[in-house]
Amino acid sequence: MKSIYLLLCSIIIVISFNSFSSDKMTSEQAYDKAQQLRNEANLIVDNKPEKAGLAQAEDSLVKALTFVRQENIKAMYSSNKYLAARQWDILRDLIKVNSMQKDKVEAVMYLKDLSASGNGLYWVAEDEAIVSLLGGNILFKNIVAKEQAWARIQSTKNFNSNYQQNISDTEKLAGLSLLWAEIKQGFVFFDQVPQLNWDEKFKEFIPIVLKTVSTKEYYDELIRMIAQLKDAHTNVYYPRELYKKTYSRPPLRATLINGNVIVTDIYSDLLRSTGLEVGDEILRVDNLEVHKFVQSKVMPFQSSSTPQDLDVRSYTYALLSGDSQQPVILKIKKKDGSFRTMSILRKEYGDEKYPATNSFKLINDKYAYFRTNSFSSNETVLSFEKIIPNLDKAEGLIIDIRNNGGGSSDIGFKILSFLTKKNIVGSMSFSRKNNPVERAWGNYSTSWEKLEESTFSNNQEYTFNKPVIVLAGAKTFSAAEDFLIAFKQLNRGLIIGEITGGSSGQPLLFSLPGGGTARVCVKREKYQSGEDWVGTGISPDIVVKPSIFDIQNDLDPVLKKALLMFKNTFPVYNEKL
């Protein structure tokens, strides 16, 4: 009886949708209609309904399936893959709803439909109600077994193991092999290291890793190996148990300026009370001349995409990193020309004060200045929204992303949406197409798949239409560079500062034996023109670099230049720009 009822529902829904003029629908409208019916059903199911509620949910899903399988809707599949995929989602939902109703006949009918399509079960294979009803069904068991077989091939979970002070040789070789294989299969920048033979590098490191006598040494070698790919989104990370032994550093930062290593930031008053000052020059580290120390102890372990990014990682981020139990010995040249040797603890001092992620000020009652050091959280967007009332008073806006290491591109695009009436377009993206049959036919060239571009809509409620300047530098990285790409392509204003870090993309994350992790960049970003910027960086419109004198006297020549540029004639932004 239920099948007859549902058939009548199908006939009714076809008639009702035809009266709704589905012929005039766009594929997006069709998708929304199907999704609306799915959502109605899922809302009922999520509330754990009684029998009548489940029948109502099934009714909505049958209507949705009937709708998406109308010939005029199916004709839209080629132009909207998301619409095409809705029928398989609906079938999965129908298997669940019928399993909740203990209707094995209907559940198996929809299971056969889904199986015939070649589309996967996904969550269906583990759903409690479905497994309870169909767990013993031969068709269900066979489908699950086949999907699990392919899932095992794609998964790397079998390589996982817990941390030990010295993992086994088998684990060491397995981890090296996994790293080699994932990079060989998916890494997108081999052409930027043309002299590197990855297979030979793998063979070279087999005896090296097998000679290591601790997990720490093993990871040292993996990190040294992967650094030779010269990509800042392709990394190996130590197990958490080794963090204090490897990543500990004092609350200060240095910067390479004209060949000199200058202390630029001190985040602890206790550390400052030892006599260390911003503007001091580091001459030696642990009894080695600072550049020799970097070249031998730091640089070989840094994965970086550009020379400027390598300098940042080697002289700013990793220079003083090491074992929290071992102080670092520094020979310092003071601003007055005197010399001093200091022992600095690699630890938390307890009074650290780091700069806020987001900050705002109005300079000279004219120019809005917004600094954001991260695009990792929507808090950055909320912080920007809070300053909007002040923007109307300003004659121009400065956005400072010189210390922004990235996060989510969408966060930066949301901020851009307040600065334009256009839709926002970022980089073009590509991934490698691995087609073994081409190799069987003797074709060893690399093919690329252009990934679908997504545009980000402008904010409809507010648009700042006055001049904008963005401050950027070598520590501007990843999603912050995605922000710059879109900003440049909008022709929205000037970029002042230094060339950026030059690295972005989508990393593939996986675990390694012994508790460490790795990631491999599997998505390549380019300008819309097709030109690479990963591996080079994004050049500013006006180059301004701080000098040692600037650091020692707390001057900001980059910001100063931006303020001077506002005194020139800037065009007011409009949608034609």
Protein backbone atom coordinates (compact mmCIF):
# COMPACT_ATOMS: atom_id res chain seq x y z
CA MET A 1 0.00 0.00 0.00
CA LYS A 2 2.84 2.40 0.84
CA SER A 3 4.34 2.00 -2.66
CA ILE A 4 0.97 2.84 -4.25
CA TYR A 5 0.65 5.87 -2.00
CA LEU A 6 4.11 7.09 -2.86
CA LEU A 7 3.48 6.53 -6.57
CA LEU A 8 0.38 8.70 -6.31
CA CYS A 9 2.50 11.31 -4.52
CA SER A 10 4.98 11.19 -7.39
CA ILE A 11 2.25 11.76 -9.95
CA ILE A 12 0.83 14.62 -7.92
CA ILE A 13 4.22 16.25 -7.48
CA VAL A 14 5.00 16.04 -11.20
CA ILE A 15 1.71 17.78 -11.92
CA SER A 16 2.31 20.41 -9.24
CA PHE A 17 5.89 21.08 -10.37
CA ASN A 18 4.76 21.37 -13.97
CA SER A 19 2.22 23.94 -12.87
CA PHE A 20 5.08 25.68 -11.07
CA SER A 21 6.73 26.12 -14.51
CA SER A 22 9.90 24.18 -13.77
CA ASP A 23 10.74 24.57 -17.45
CA LYS A 24 11.54 28.19 -16.67
CA MET A 25 13.76 27.36 -13.72
CA THR A 26 17.49 27.90 -13.72
CA SER A 27 19.70 25.07 -12.49
CA GLU A 28 20.36 27.06 -9.30
CA GLN A 29 16.63 27.41 -8.64
CA ALA A 30 16.15 23.69 -9.29
CA TYR A 31 18.94 22.90 -6.84
CA ASP A 32 17.36 25.15 -4.22
CA LYS A 33 13.96 23.51 -4.72
CA ALA A 34 15.35 20.01 -4.31
CA GLN A 35 17.39 21.05 -1.30
CA GLN A 36 14.36 22.70 0.28
CA LEU A 37 12.45 19.42 0.14
CA ARG A 38 15.48 17.54 1.55
CA ASN A 39 15.76 20.04 4.38
CA GLU A 40 12.08 19.63 5.22
CA ALA A 41 12.59 15.88 5.51
CA ASN A 42 15.83 16.09 7.45
CA LEU A 43 14.34 18.57 9.91
CA ILE A 44 11.67 16.00 10.73
CA VAL A 45 14.16 13.13 10.97
CA ASP A 46 16.51 15.09 13.24
CA ASN A 47 13.68 15.49 15.76
CA LYS A 48 13.30 11.67 16.06
CA PRO A 49 9.69 11.55 14.94
CA GLU A 50 7.02 8.90 15.39
CA LYS A 51 5.63 6.81 12.49
CA ALA A 52 3.52 9.62 11.00
CA GLY A 53 6.46 12.01 10.99
CA LEU A 54 8.69 9.52 9.20
CA ALA A 55 6.02 8.99 6.56
CA GLN A 56 5.85 12.76 6.07
CA ALA A 57 9.65 12.92 5.73
CA GLU A 58 9.61 10.12 3.17
CA ASP A 59 6.88 11.92 1.25
CA SER A 60 9.06 15.05 0.96
CA LEU A 61 12.03 12.99 -0.20
CA VAL A 62 9.99 11.13 -2.83
CA LYS A 63 8.79 14.48 -4.11
CA ALA A 64 12.38 15.71 -4.26
CA LEU A 65 13.58 12.59 -6.12
CA THR A 66 10.74 12.78 -8.60
CA PHE A 67 11.49 16.44 -9.20
CA VAL A 68 15.22 16.07 -9.86
CA ARG A 69 14.58 13.17 -12.24
CA GLN A 70 12.23 15.06 -14.52
CA GLU A 71 13.70 15.22 -18.01
CA ASN A 72 13.87 19.01 -18.08
CA ILE A 73 15.70 19.02 -14.74
CA LYS A 74 18.07 16.23 -15.81
CA ALA A 75 18.96 18.34 -18.84
CA MET A 76 20.53 20.84 -16.41
CA TYR A 77 22.91 18.28 -14.87
CA SER A 78 25.73 19.00 -17.30
CA SER A 79 25.85 22.65 -16.26
CA ASN A 80 25.37 22.12 -12.51
CA LYS A 81 27.14 19.14 -10.96
CA TYR A 82 25.68 19.97 -7.55
CA LEU A 83 22.16 19.61 -8.89
CA ALA A 84 23.13 16.29 -10.49
CA ALA A 85 24.46 15.03 -7.16
CA ARG A 86 21.25 15.82 -5.29
CA GLN A 87 19.52 12.65 -6.51
CA TRP A 88 22.20 10.50 -4.86
CA ASP A 89 21.87 12.43 -1.59
CA ILE A 90 18.12 11.99 -1.73
CA LEU A 91 18.50 8.23 -2.27
CA ARG A 92 20.74 8.02 0.78
CA ASP A 93 18.15 9.94 2.80
CA LEU A 94 15.41 7.57 1.58
CA ILE A 95 17.44 4.52 2.63
CA LYS A 96 17.72 6.01 6.12
CA VAL A 97 14.06 7.02 6.45
CA ASN A 98 12.87 3.59 5.35
CA SER A 99 15.34 1.91 7.69
CA MET A 100 13.91 3.98 10.55
CA GLN A 101 10.46 2.72 9.51
CA LYS A 102 11.78 -0.90 9.40
CA ASP A 103 10.72 -1.13 5.75
CA LYS A 104 13.44 -3.39 4.36
CA VAL A 105 11.81 -3.75 0.93
CA GLU A 106 11.78 -0.02 0.25
CA ALA A 107 15.22 0.51 1.80
CA VAL A 108 16.74 -2.19 -0.43
CA MET A 109 14.96 -0.75 -3.48
CA TYR A 110 16.64 2.61 -2.96
CA LEU A 111 19.91 0.88 -2.11
CA LYS A 112 19.80 -0.90 -5.50
CA ASP A 113 19.07 2.40 -7.22
CA LEU A 114 22.07 4.03 -5.55
CA SER A 115 24.32 1.04 -6.22
CA ALA A 116 23.41 0.95 -9.92
CA SER A 117 24.53 4.57 -10.25
CA GLY A 118 28.05 3.76 -9.05
CA ASN A 119 27.82 6.46 -6.37
CA GLY A 120 29.06 5.69 -2.88
CA LEU A 121 27.19 4.95 0.32
CA TYR A 122 29.32 7.35 2.37
CA TRP A 123 27.64 7.90 5.76
CA VAL A 124 24.97 5.30 4.93
CA ALA A 125 27.50 2.50 5.58
CA GLU A 126 27.78 3.49 9.26
CA ASP A 127 24.32 4.83 10.08
CA GLU A 128 22.93 3.00 13.11
CA ALA A 129 19.36 2.57 11.84
CA ILE A 130 20.50 1.43 8.39
CA VAL A 131 23.07 -1.05 9.69
CA SER A 132 20.51 -2.43 12.15
CA LEU A 133 18.06 -3.16 9.32
CA LEU A 134 20.36 -3.97 6.41
CA GLY A 135 23.52 -5.18 8.12
CA GLY A 136 22.82 -8.78 7.11
CA ASN A 137 21.68 -7.97 3.58
CA ILE A 138 24.04 -9.48 0.99
CA LEU A 139 23.85 -6.48 -1.35
CA PHE A 140 24.55 -4.04 1.49
CA LYS A 141 27.45 -6.13 2.80
CA ASN A 142 29.02 -6.42 -0.66
CA ILE A 143 28.75 -2.69 -1.35
CA VAL A 144 30.24 -1.82 2.04
CA ALA A 145 33.12 -4.28 1.57
CA LYS A 146 34.01 -2.85 -1.85
CA GLU A 147 33.86 0.72 -0.63
CA GLN A 148 36.03 -0.11 2.36
CA ALA A 149 38.60 -1.70 0.05
CA TRP A 150 38.94 1.53 -1.94
CA ALA A 151 38.80 3.64 1.21
CA ARG A 152 41.80 1.74 2.59
CA ILE A 153 43.78 2.60 -0.55
CA GLN A 154 43.04 6.31 -0.12
CA SER A 155 43.59 6.29 3.65
CA THR A 156 46.95 6.51 5.39
CA LYS A 157 45.66 5.55 8.85
CA ASN A 158 47.52 2.25 8.86
CA PHE A 159 50.79 4.20 9.01
CA ASN A 160 49.81 5.90 12.28
CA SER A 161 51.59 4.88 15.47
CA ASN A 162 52.10 6.36 18.91
CA TYR A 163 55.19 8.24 19.99
CA GLN A 164 58.14 6.32 21.35
CA GLN A 165 61.61 7.63 22.09
CA ASN A 166 62.90 5.58 19.17
CA ILE A 167 60.34 4.09 16.82
CA SER A 168 61.18 0.88 14.95
CA ASP A 169 63.08 0.69 11.66
CA THR A 170 59.91 -0.63 10.03
CA GLU A 171 58.01 2.49 11.12
CA LYS A 172 60.83 4.75 9.99
CA LEU A 173 60.91 3.21 6.53
CA ALA A 174 57.11 3.21 6.30
CA GLY A 175 56.93 6.91 7.19
CA LEU A 176 59.62 7.85 4.69
CA SER A 177 57.86 5.82 2.00
CA LEU A 178 54.50 7.41 2.76
CA LEU A 179 56.00 10.89 2.59
CA TRP A 180 57.73 10.10 -0.71
CA ALA A 181 54.57 8.58 -2.22
CA GLU A 182 52.16 11.38 -1.22
CA ILE A 183 54.54 14.01 -2.58
CA LYS A 184 55.20 12.08 -5.79
CA GLN A 185 51.48 11.69 -6.38
CA GLY A 186 50.15 15.12 -5.50
CA PHE A 187 52.82 17.83 -5.09
CA VAL A 188 52.21 20.70 -7.54
CA PHE A 189 55.55 22.53 -7.70
CA PHE A 190 58.13 20.05 -8.98
CA ASP A 191 58.87 22.42 -11.87
CA GLN A 192 60.06 25.03 -9.34
CA VAL A 193 62.81 22.63 -8.19
CA PRO A 194 63.86 21.26 -11.61
CA GLN A 195 67.22 19.92 -10.36
CA LEU A 196 65.57 17.78 -7.68
CA ASN A 197 65.08 14.09 -8.54
CA TRP A 198 62.52 13.03 -5.95
CA ASP A 199 62.98 9.30 -6.48
CA GLU A 200 66.73 9.58 -6.05
CA LYS A 201 66.20 11.71 -2.95
CA PHE A 202 63.99 8.97 -1.52
CA LYS A 203 66.68 6.35 -2.09
CA GLU A 204 69.32 8.66 -0.62
CA PHE A 205 67.38 9.04 2.63
CA ILE A 206 66.60 5.35 3.22
CA PRO A 207 69.97 4.60 4.89
CA ILE A 208 69.96 8.03 6.55
CA VAL A 209 66.68 7.50 8.42
CA LEU A 210 67.58 3.91 9.31
CA LYS A 211 70.76 5.16 11.01
CA THR A 212 68.88 7.53 13.30
CA VAL A 213 68.90 6.51 16.97
CA SER A 214 65.82 8.42 18.15
CA THR A 215 62.46 9.60 16.92
CA LYS A 216 63.74 13.17 17.27
CA GLU A 217 66.66 12.44 14.90
CA TYR A 218 64.32 10.65 12.52
CA TYR A 219 62.05 13.67 12.24
CA ASP A 220 65.06 15.95 11.86
CA GLU A 221 65.93 14.03 8.70
CA LEU A 222 62.38 14.01 7.32
CA ILE A 223 62.20 17.76 7.82
CA ARG A 224 65.58 18.24 6.13
CA MET A 225 64.44 16.09 3.20
CA ILE A 226 61.12 17.83 2.64
CA ALA A 227 62.74 21.28 2.89
CA GLN A 228 64.47 20.53 -0.41
CA LEU A 229 61.10 20.84 -2.18
CA LYS A 230 61.23 24.56 -1.37
CA ASP A 231 57.54 24.97 -0.64
CA ALA A 232 56.22 26.59 2.53
CA HIS A 233 52.93 24.66 2.38
CA THR A 234 54.73 21.31 2.28
CA ASN A 235 56.07 20.43 5.73
CA VAL A 236 56.83 17.78 8.31
CA TYR A 237 56.06 18.50 11.96
CA TYR A 238 57.48 16.85 15.06
CA PRO A 239 55.27 14.74 17.35
CA ARG A 240 53.61 16.74 20.11
CA GLU A 241 55.80 15.00 22.68
CA LEU A 242 58.83 16.75 21.11
CA TYR A 243 57.37 20.25 20.91
CA LYS A 244 59.18 21.56 24.00
CA LYS A 245 62.42 20.05 22.77
CA THR A 246 62.16 21.58 19.30
CA TYR A 247 59.79 24.54 19.11
CA SER A 248 60.56 26.42 22.36
CA ARG A 249 61.85 29.96 21.95
CA PRO A 250 62.22 33.11 24.06
CA PRO A 251 59.60 35.88 23.68
CA LEU A 252 61.58 37.96 21.21
CA ARG A 253 61.90 38.22 17.45
CA ALA A 254 64.72 39.33 15.19
CA THR A 255 64.78 40.41 11.55
CA LEU A 256 67.47 40.33 8.88
CA ILE A 257 68.01 43.94 7.78
CA ASN A 258 70.72 44.72 5.25
CA GLY A 259 72.70 41.67 6.35
CA ASN A 260 72.40 42.46 10.06
CA VAL A 261 70.27 40.46 12.49
CA ILE A 262 68.36 43.05 14.53
CA VAL A 263 66.09 42.48 17.53
CA THR A 264 62.75 43.95 16.45
CA ASP A 265 60.31 42.75 19.13
CA ILE A 266 60.52 41.86 22.83
CA TYR A 267 57.27 40.63 24.36
CA SER A 268 58.35 40.30 28.02
CA ASP A 269 59.32 43.01 30.49
CA LEU A 270 61.27 40.40 32.46
CA LEU A 271 63.33 39.62 29.37
CA ARG A 272 63.75 43.33 28.68
CA SER A 273 65.00 43.82 32.25
CA THR A 274 68.04 41.66 31.42
CA GLY A 275 69.31 44.53 29.29
CA LEU A 276 68.15 43.26 25.91
CA GLU A 277 66.62 46.04 23.79
CA VAL A 278 64.84 46.45 20.49
CA GLY A 279 67.49 47.57 18.01
CA ASP A 280 70.26 45.38 19.44
CA GLU A 281 72.21 43.39 16.87
CA ILE A 282 72.72 39.64 17.31
CA LEU A 283 76.29 38.75 16.32
CA ARG A 284 76.65 35.17 17.55
CA VAL A 285 74.32 32.35 18.58
CA ASP A 286 75.63 29.53 20.76
CA ASN A 287 79.23 30.57 20.01
CA LEU A 288 78.74 30.54 16.23
CA GLU A 289 78.74 33.64 14.02
CA VAL A 290 75.02 34.27 13.46
CA HIS A 291 74.97 33.66 9.70
CA LYS A 292 77.03 30.48 10.02
CA PHE A 293 74.66 29.35 12.76
CA VAL A 294 71.66 29.97 10.51
CA GLN A 295 73.19 28.29 7.47
CA SER A 296 74.20 25.15 9.38
CA LYS A 297 71.63 24.81 12.16
CA VAL A 298 68.46 26.51 10.92
CA MET A 299 68.14 27.02 7.18
CA PRO A 300 68.45 23.33 6.11
CA PHE A 301 65.27 22.59 8.07
CA GLN A 302 63.07 25.40 6.71
CA SER A 303 60.44 24.69 4.08
CA SER A 304 60.08 27.96 2.20
CA SER A 305 58.94 29.02 -1.24
CA THR A 306 61.05 32.15 -1.77
CA PRO A 307 64.32 33.70 -0.58
CA GLN A 308 62.46 36.34 1.42
CA ASP A 309 60.30 33.70 3.10
CA LEU A 310 63.42 31.65 3.87
CA ASP A 311 64.96 34.69 5.57
CA VAL A 312 61.82 35.22 7.66
CA ARG A 313 61.71 31.60 8.74
CA SER A 314 65.42 31.37 9.44
CA TYR A 315 66.08 34.73 11.12
CA THR A 316 62.68 35.55 12.64
CA TYR A 317 60.63 32.43 13.40
CA ALA A 318 63.19 29.65 13.93
CA LEU A 319 66.45 31.44 14.81
CA LEU A 320 66.19 30.83 18.55
CA SER A 321 63.91 27.77 18.56
CA GLY A 322 65.15 24.70 20.39
CA ASP A 323 65.05 22.77 23.65
CA SER A 324 63.24 24.55 26.49
CA GLN A 325 65.78 23.07 28.90
CA GLN A 326 68.73 24.65 27.11
CA PRO A 327 69.22 28.44 27.17
CA VAL A 328 70.49 30.10 24.02
CA ILE A 329 73.73 32.09 24.27
CA LEU A 330 73.71 35.38 22.35
CA LYS A 331 76.49 37.85 21.68
CA ILE A 332 74.86 41.24 21.27
CA LYS A 333 76.06 44.56 19.88
CA LYS A 334 74.23 47.32 21.71
CA LYS A 335 72.97 50.50 20.09
CA ASP A 336 75.80 52.42 21.78
CA GLY A 337 78.39 50.15 20.13
CA SER A 338 79.21 48.10 23.23
CA PHE A 339 79.14 44.31 23.27
CA ARG A 340 77.49 41.89 25.61
CA THR A 341 77.08 38.12 25.91
CA MET A 342 73.73 36.96 27.30
CA SER A 343 72.14 33.66 28.25
CA ILE A 344 68.46 33.73 27.23
CA LEU A 345 65.98 31.14 28.45
CA ARG A 346 63.79 29.39 25.87
CA LYS A 347 60.62 29.43 27.90
CA GLU A 348 57.53 31.36 28.85
CA TYR A 349 58.45 34.20 31.18
CA GLY A 350 54.91 34.59 32.49
CA ASP A 351 54.47 38.25 31.60
CA GLU A 352 54.35 38.02 27.81
CA LYS A 353 52.31 40.66 26.02
CA TYR A 354 51.84 39.92 22.35
CA PRO A 355 50.20 42.36 19.91
CA ALA A 356 46.45 42.04 19.54
CA THR A 357 45.37 40.17 16.43
CA ASN A 358 43.29 43.14 15.30
CA SER A 359 43.61 46.82 16.14
CA PHE A 360 42.31 50.16 14.90
CA LYS A 361 43.20 53.82 15.25
CA LEU A 362 42.38 57.07 13.54
CA ILE A 363 45.57 58.87 12.52
CA ASN A 364 45.53 62.68 12.54
CA ASP A 365 41.72 62.46 12.77
CA LYS A 366 41.78 61.73 9.04
CA TYR A 367 43.07 58.30 8.16
CA ALA A 368 41.65 55.01 9.38
CA TYR A 369 44.31 52.41 10.20
CA PHE A 370 43.26 48.76 10.61
CA ARG A 371 45.88 46.14 11.41
CA THR A 372 45.11 42.44 11.28
CA ASN A 373 47.72 39.77 11.95
CA SER A 374 45.56 36.77 11.09
CA PHE A 375 42.71 35.63 8.88
CA SER A 376 42.15 32.50 10.98
CA SER A 377 38.97 33.61 12.72
CA ASN A 378 35.77 35.46 11.92
CA GLU A 379 36.74 37.75 14.81
CA THR A 380 38.77 39.68 12.24
CA VAL A 381 35.62 40.37 10.22
CA LEU A 382 33.71 41.37 13.35
CA SER A 383 36.56 43.71 14.33
CA PHE A 384 36.42 45.35 10.92
CA GLU A 385 32.64 45.71 11.07
CA LYS A 386 33.00 47.54 14.39
CA ILE A 387 35.15 50.25 12.80
CA ILE A 388 32.72 50.97 9.96
CA PRO A 389 31.14 53.98 11.80
CA ASN A 390 34.64 55.51 11.95
CA LEU A 391 35.29 54.97 8.25
CA ASP A 392 32.72 57.56 7.26
CA LYS A 393 34.80 60.16 9.11
CA ALA A 394 38.02 59.11 7.41
CA GLU A 395 39.55 60.41 4.20
CA GLY A 396 41.29 57.10 3.53
CA LEU A 397 41.84 53.61 4.90
CA ILE A 398 45.11 51.78 5.58
CA ILE A 399 44.95 47.99 6.03
CA ASP A 400 48.15 46.62 7.55
CA ILE A 401 48.76 42.90 6.85
CA ARG A 402 52.55 42.97 7.17
CA ASN A 403 52.44 40.39 9.98
CA ASN A 404 49.46 38.42 8.70
CA GLY A 405 50.42 34.75 8.29
CA GLY A 406 47.11 33.74 6.70
CA GLY A 407 44.24 31.51 7.76
CA SER A 408 41.09 31.39 5.64
CA SER A 409 40.86 33.25 2.34
CA ASP A 410 37.16 33.85 2.97
CA ILE A 411 37.97 36.05 5.98
CA GLY A 412 40.04 38.38 3.83
CA PHE A 413 37.42 38.36 1.07
CA LYS A 414 34.73 39.35 3.59
CA ILE A 415 36.77 42.43 4.47
CA LEU A 416 37.26 43.22 0.78
CA SER A 417 33.50 42.95 0.30
CA PHE A 418 33.14 46.22 2.24
CA LEU A 419 35.51 47.99 -0.15
CA THR A 420 33.96 47.26 -3.54
CA LYS A 421 30.73 46.99 -5.48
CA LYS A 422 32.17 44.23 -7.63
CA ASN A 423 32.25 40.52 -6.98
CA ILE A 424 35.61 39.39 -5.66
CA VAL A 425 37.74 36.92 -7.60
CA GLY A 426 40.97 35.50 -6.24
CA SER A 427 43.58 33.28 -7.85
CA MET A 428 43.04 30.61 -10.47
CA SER A 429 43.56 27.16 -8.97
CA PHE A 430 44.89 23.93 -10.47
CA SER A 431 45.58 20.38 -9.32
CA ARG A 432 47.42 17.54 -11.00
CA LYS A 433 45.44 14.94 -12.95
CA ASN A 434 46.86 11.49 -12.30
CA ASN A 435 45.79 9.19 -15.14
CA PRO A 436 47.75 5.90 -15.07
CA VAL A 437 46.38 4.78 -18.43
CA GLU A 438 48.17 7.71 -20.08
CA ARG A 439 51.44 6.37 -18.68
CA ALA A 440 50.53 2.92 -19.99
CA TRP A 441 50.24 4.53 -23.41
CA GLY A 442 53.67 6.11 -23.03
CA ASN A 443 52.56 9.63 -22.11
CA TYR A 444 54.50 10.83 -19.06
CA SER A 445 53.61 14.52 -19.30
CA THR A 446 51.75 16.14 -16.42
CA SER A 447 48.14 17.12 -17.00
CA TRP A 448 46.40 19.80 -14.97
CA GLU A 449 42.80 20.23 -13.92
CA LYS A 450 41.54 23.78 -13.54
CA LEU A 451 39.45 23.87 -10.41
CA GLU A 452 36.10 25.57 -10.30
CA GLU A 453 36.42 29.25 -9.43
CA SER A 454 34.29 30.74 -6.70
CA THR A 455 33.46 34.42 -6.55
CA PHE A 456 32.74 36.24 -3.33
CA SER A 457 29.87 38.71 -3.42
CA ASN A 458 30.28 42.30 -2.32
CA ASN A 459 28.61 43.50 0.85
CA GLN A 460 25.25 44.96 -0.12
CA GLU A 461 24.78 47.08 3.00
CA TYR A 462 27.97 49.16 3.05
CA THR A 463 30.73 50.11 0.62
CA PHE A 464 33.70 52.24 1.59
CA ASN A 465 34.42 54.29 -1.53
CA LYS A 466 37.43 56.33 -0.43
CA PRO A 467 41.14 55.60 -1.08
CA VAL A 468 42.60 52.38 0.34
CA ILE A 469 46.25 51.44 0.84
CA VAL A 470 47.43 48.00 1.96
CA LEU A 471 50.74 47.52 3.78
CA ALA A 472 52.45 44.20 3.07
CA GLY A 473 55.80 42.49 3.53
CA ALA A 474 57.68 39.21 3.61
CA LYS A 475 55.61 37.97 6.57
CA THR A 476 52.42 38.49 4.54
CA PHE A 477 51.66 34.89 3.74
CA SER A 478 49.13 32.38 2.39
CA ALA A 479 45.51 33.60 2.83
CA ALA A 480 46.83 37.14 3.38
CA GLU A 481 48.39 36.89 -0.08
CA ASP A 482 45.07 35.63 -1.45
CA PHE A 483 43.61 38.87 -0.07
CA LEU A 484 46.28 40.87 -1.93
CA ILE A 485 45.66 39.02 -5.21
CA ALA A 486 41.98 39.94 -5.09
CA PHE A 487 42.79 43.50 -4.00
CA LYS A 488 45.16 43.93 -6.97
CA GLN A 489 42.67 42.48 -9.43
CA LEU A 490 40.03 44.92 -8.20
CA ASN A 491 42.44 47.83 -8.84
CA ARG A 492 41.22 49.06 -5.48
CA GLY A 493 44.33 50.89 -4.31
CA LEU A 494 48.06 50.83 -3.65
CA ILE A 495 50.20 48.16 -1.97
CA ILE A 496 53.18 49.59 -0.08
CA GLY A 497 56.00 47.72 1.64
CA GLU A 498 58.02 44.69 0.56
CA ILE A 499 57.47 41.62 -1.60
CA THR A 500 55.34 39.00 0.16
CA GLY A 501 56.24 35.49 1.29
CA GLY A 502 55.02 33.90 -1.94
CA SER A 503 53.20 30.76 -0.82
CA SER A 504 49.62 29.56 -0.83
CA GLY A 505 47.61 26.51 -1.84
CA GLN A 506 45.70 23.60 -0.35
CA PRO A 507 47.77 21.25 1.80
CA LEU A 508 46.89 17.56 2.12
CA LEU A 509 47.39 16.61 5.78
CA PHE A 510 48.33 13.14 7.02
CA SER A 511 49.88 11.48 10.05
CA LEU A 512 53.28 9.82 10.23
CA PRO A 513 54.57 6.99 12.43
CA GLY A 514 55.57 8.11 15.89
CA GLY A 515 52.90 10.77 16.24
CA GLY A 516 54.16 13.44 13.83
CA THR A 517 52.31 14.93 10.89
CA ALA A 518 53.02 16.11 7.38
CA ARG A 519 51.30 18.14 4.71
CA VAL A 520 51.76 18.37 0.95
CA CYS A 521 50.59 21.24 -1.23
CA VAL A 522 48.21 19.76 -3.80
CA LYS A 523 46.64 22.94 -5.22
CA ARG A 524 48.49 25.49 -7.32
CA GLU A 525 47.49 29.15 -7.31
CA LYS A 526 48.07 31.58 -10.18
CA TYR A 527 47.10 35.10 -11.16
CA GLN A 528 44.03 35.26 -13.37
CA SER A 529 46.49 36.01 -16.19
CA GLY A 530 47.98 32.53 -15.69
CA GLU A 531 51.26 33.83 -14.23
CA ASP A 532 52.70 32.18 -11.13
CA TRP A 533 53.07 34.17 -7.95
CA VAL A 534 53.72 31.26 -5.61
CA GLY A 535 57.49 30.90 -5.61
CA THR A 536 58.09 34.59 -6.28
CA GLY A 537 55.78 36.62 -4.04
CA ILE A 538 53.51 39.58 -4.73
CA SER A 539 55.38 42.80 -5.44
CA PRO A 540 54.16 46.07 -3.90
CA ASP A 541 53.41 49.12 -5.98
CA ILE A 542 55.85 51.11 -3.85
CA VAL A 543 58.81 49.42 -2.15
CA VAL A 544 59.66 50.69 1.34
CA LYS A 545 61.97 48.81 3.71
CA PRO A 546 62.65 49.68 7.36
CA SER A 547 66.29 50.43 8.18
CA ILE A 548 68.22 49.63 11.33
CA PHE A 549 67.88 53.29 12.29
CA ASP A 550 64.09 53.00 11.94
CA ILE A 551 63.97 49.97 14.25
CA GLN A 552 66.23 51.56 16.83
CA ASN A 553 64.15 54.75 16.87
CA ASP A 554 60.69 53.16 16.71
CA LEU A 555 59.95 54.61 13.26
CA ASP A 556 57.63 53.10 10.66
CA PRO A 557 58.67 54.30 7.19
CA VAL A 558 56.09 52.08 5.48
CA LEU A 559 53.18 53.64 7.33
CA LYS A 560 54.75 57.08 6.85
CA LYS A 561 54.87 56.53 3.09
CA ALA A 562 51.21 55.52 3.05
CA LEU A 563 50.23 58.71 4.85
CA LEU A 564 52.27 60.78 2.41
CA MET A 565 50.54 59.07 -0.53
CA PHE A 566 47.15 60.12 0.81
CA LYS A 567 48.25 63.73 0.33
CA ASN A 568 48.53 63.05 -3.40
CA THR A 569 45.45 62.97 -5.57
CA PHE A 570 43.72 59.62 -5.10
CA PRO A 571 40.71 58.64 -7.18
CA VAL A 572 37.53 57.99 -5.23
CA TYR A 573 36.60 54.37 -5.80
CA ASN A 574 33.62 53.57 -7.96
CA GLU A 575 32.32 50.39 -9.53
CA LYS A 576 33.95 51.25 -12.88
CA LEU A 577 37.46 51.02 -11.41
